[in-house]
Protein backbone atom coordinates (compact mmCIF):
# COMPACT_ATOMS: atom_id res chain seq x y z
CA MET A 1 -26.21 -46.59 -53.17
CA LYS A 2 -26.71 -42.93 -53.64
CA THR A 3 -29.67 -42.89 -51.27
CA LYS A 4 -27.74 -44.50 -48.46
CA ALA A 5 -25.03 -41.83 -48.67
CA ILE A 6 -27.65 -39.09 -48.67
CA GLU A 7 -29.36 -40.64 -45.63
CA THR A 8 -26.10 -40.82 -43.68
CA GLU A 9 -25.26 -37.24 -44.58
CA SER A 10 -28.76 -36.16 -43.62
CA ARG A 11 -28.42 -37.77 -40.17
CA MET A 12 -25.12 -36.03 -39.57
CA ILE A 13 -26.55 -32.63 -40.39
CA HIS A 14 -29.72 -33.10 -38.36
CA GLY A 15 -27.93 -34.81 -35.42
CA ASN A 16 -25.91 -31.66 -34.58
CA ARG A 17 -28.58 -29.13 -33.63
CA GLY A 18 -26.52 -26.78 -31.39
CA PHE A 19 -25.96 -26.39 -27.65
CA THR A 20 -28.40 -27.61 -25.09
CA LEU A 21 -29.64 -25.41 -22.28
CA ILE A 22 -27.60 -27.38 -19.72
CA GLU A 23 -24.37 -26.86 -21.67
CA THR A 24 -25.04 -23.13 -21.95
CA LEU A 25 -25.80 -22.79 -18.21
CA LEU A 26 -22.67 -24.74 -17.31
CA ALA A 27 -20.51 -22.53 -19.55
CA MET A 28 -22.05 -19.40 -17.99
CA ALA A 29 -21.38 -20.72 -14.46
CA ILE A 30 -17.72 -21.37 -15.26
CA PHE A 31 -17.42 -17.93 -16.87
CA SER A 32 -19.04 -16.29 -13.80
CA VAL A 33 -16.58 -17.94 -11.40
CA GLY A 34 -13.70 -16.65 -13.52
CA ILE A 35 -15.10 -13.11 -13.61
CA LEU A 36 -15.59 -13.14 -9.79
CA ALA A 37 -11.96 -14.19 -9.33
CA VAL A 38 -10.76 -11.34 -11.55
CA GLY A 39 -12.97 -8.88 -9.63
CA SER A 40 -11.52 -10.04 -6.32
CA MET A 41 -8.03 -9.65 -7.71
CA GLN A 42 -8.80 -6.08 -8.79
CA ILE A 43 -10.03 -5.13 -5.31
CA SER A 44 -6.86 -6.56 -3.77
CA ALA A 45 -4.70 -4.64 -6.26
CA ILE A 46 -6.51 -1.36 -5.51
CA ASN A 47 -6.00 -1.83 -1.75
CA ASN A 48 -2.31 -2.65 -2.21
CA ASN A 49 -1.81 0.41 -4.42
CA ALA A 50 -3.44 2.66 -1.81
CA SER A 51 -1.21 1.20 0.90
CA ALA A 52 1.90 1.72 -1.22
CA ARG A 53 0.87 5.33 -1.91
CA MET A 54 0.46 6.04 1.82
CA ARG A 55 3.85 4.44 2.61
CA THR A 56 5.51 6.49 -0.14
CA GLU A 57 3.95 9.72 1.15
CA ALA A 58 5.11 8.89 4.69
CA THR A 59 8.65 8.20 3.48
CA ILE A 60 8.75 11.49 1.56
CA LEU A 61 7.42 13.33 4.62
CA ALA A 62 10.08 11.68 6.79
CA SER A 63 12.82 12.65 4.33
CA GLU A 64 11.60 16.26 4.20
CA THR A 65 11.55 16.46 8.00
CA VAL A 66 15.07 15.04 8.18
CA GLU A 67 16.24 17.67 5.69
CA GLU A 68 14.64 20.44 7.76
CA LEU A 69 16.25 19.18 10.97
CA MET A 70 19.65 18.80 9.30
CA SER A 71 19.44 22.34 7.92
CA LEU A 72 19.02 23.90 11.38
CA GLU A 73 21.99 26.19 11.96
CA ASP A 74 22.32 25.71 15.69
CA TYR A 75 23.49 22.27 16.88
CA ASN A 76 21.74 22.94 20.21
CA ASP A 77 18.42 24.01 18.66
CA PRO A 78 15.46 23.03 20.88
CA LEU A 79 14.07 20.93 18.02
CA LEU A 80 17.19 18.76 18.31
CA GLY A 81 16.84 18.30 22.06
CA THR A 82 16.60 14.98 23.84
CA ASP A 83 12.87 15.42 24.53
CA THR A 84 10.54 13.77 22.08
CA GLN A 85 9.25 16.29 19.56
CA SER A 86 6.11 15.78 17.52
CA ALA A 87 4.24 17.33 14.62
CA SER A 88 1.51 16.36 12.24
CA SER A 89 1.41 16.59 8.49
CA SER A 90 -0.40 19.40 6.73
CA ASN A 91 -3.22 17.05 5.75
CA ASN A 92 -3.43 15.73 9.35
CA ILE A 93 -3.05 12.08 8.31
CA TYR A 94 0.52 11.44 9.42
CA CYS A 95 2.06 11.88 12.89
CA ILE A 96 5.75 12.74 12.99
CA GLU A 97 7.85 12.18 16.12
CA TRP A 98 11.57 12.43 16.66
CA SER A 99 14.05 12.41 19.50
CA ALA A 100 17.78 12.92 19.75
CA THR A 101 20.39 11.01 21.70
CA GLU A 102 23.44 13.08 22.71
CA ASP A 103 26.99 11.84 22.06
CA SER A 104 25.83 8.84 20.12
CA PRO A 105 27.55 7.03 18.42
CA ILE A 106 30.59 9.26 19.18
CA PRO A 107 31.09 12.48 21.16
CA SER A 108 29.85 15.73 19.57
CA THR A 109 27.18 13.96 17.55
CA LYS A 110 23.46 13.36 17.96
CA THR A 111 21.59 10.36 16.67
CA ILE A 112 18.11 11.48 15.74
CA THR A 113 15.39 8.86 15.43
CA LEU A 114 12.41 9.97 13.40
CA SER A 115 9.12 8.09 13.09
CA VAL A 116 6.12 8.77 10.84
CA ARG A 117 2.94 6.92 11.83
CA TRP A 118 -0.53 6.68 10.32
CA THR A 119 -3.57 4.42 10.50
CA ASP A 120 -5.67 3.04 7.71
CA GLY A 121 -9.07 4.63 7.59
CA GLU A 122 -8.86 7.29 10.29
CA MET A 123 -7.37 10.75 10.06
CA GLY A 124 -5.42 12.39 12.82
CA CYS A 125 -2.78 11.40 15.31
CA GLY A 126 -5.01 10.41 18.18
CA ASN A 127 -6.22 6.87 17.69
CA PHE A 128 -3.64 4.18 16.98
CA ASP A 129 -5.81 1.31 18.22
CA GLN A 130 -6.44 0.37 14.60
CA LYS A 131 -3.79 -1.09 12.31
CA GLU A 132 -0.84 1.24 12.66
CA ASN A 133 1.73 1.76 9.93
CA GLN A 134 5.10 3.29 10.56
CA VAL A 135 8.20 4.52 8.73
CA ASN A 136 11.39 5.04 10.77
CA LEU A 137 14.55 6.95 9.86
CA ASP A 138 17.72 7.32 11.92
CA PHE A 139 20.32 9.94 11.08
CA ILE A 140 23.37 11.46 12.72
CA ARG A 141 24.04 15.18 13.12
CA ALA A 142 27.57 16.26 13.93
CA ASN A 143 28.55 19.42 15.82
CA ILE A 144 30.76 21.02 13.20
């Protein structure tokens, strides 16, 4: 009786010899697919963060330009004329344009429309054939 129990126990120990090569390769393949998915997700996150940074910089630049235009002492300053005005940022990535509409929405006011544009991947204000991004601000200046 004792020998039969030892034989059965011996088979159980010797029957479980570890992983086969096929099992190991299959586990590595599944692991590789998971790592590739995480890598792709990281690239997407980096691109989205860069886009958000550019949009934030453009919004800040637009706000600063609005503050400068609002702080002009003369209501009839040439910078607040009805012709389209333009400038570029100090780092030459963003293009800033604005124009004023007289007596809008009521008399003795100007509605000023400001736009900040930039492209992904190319510096300067010249070529907007690529994907163009834009931030727009409208504000009203009263003749007080």
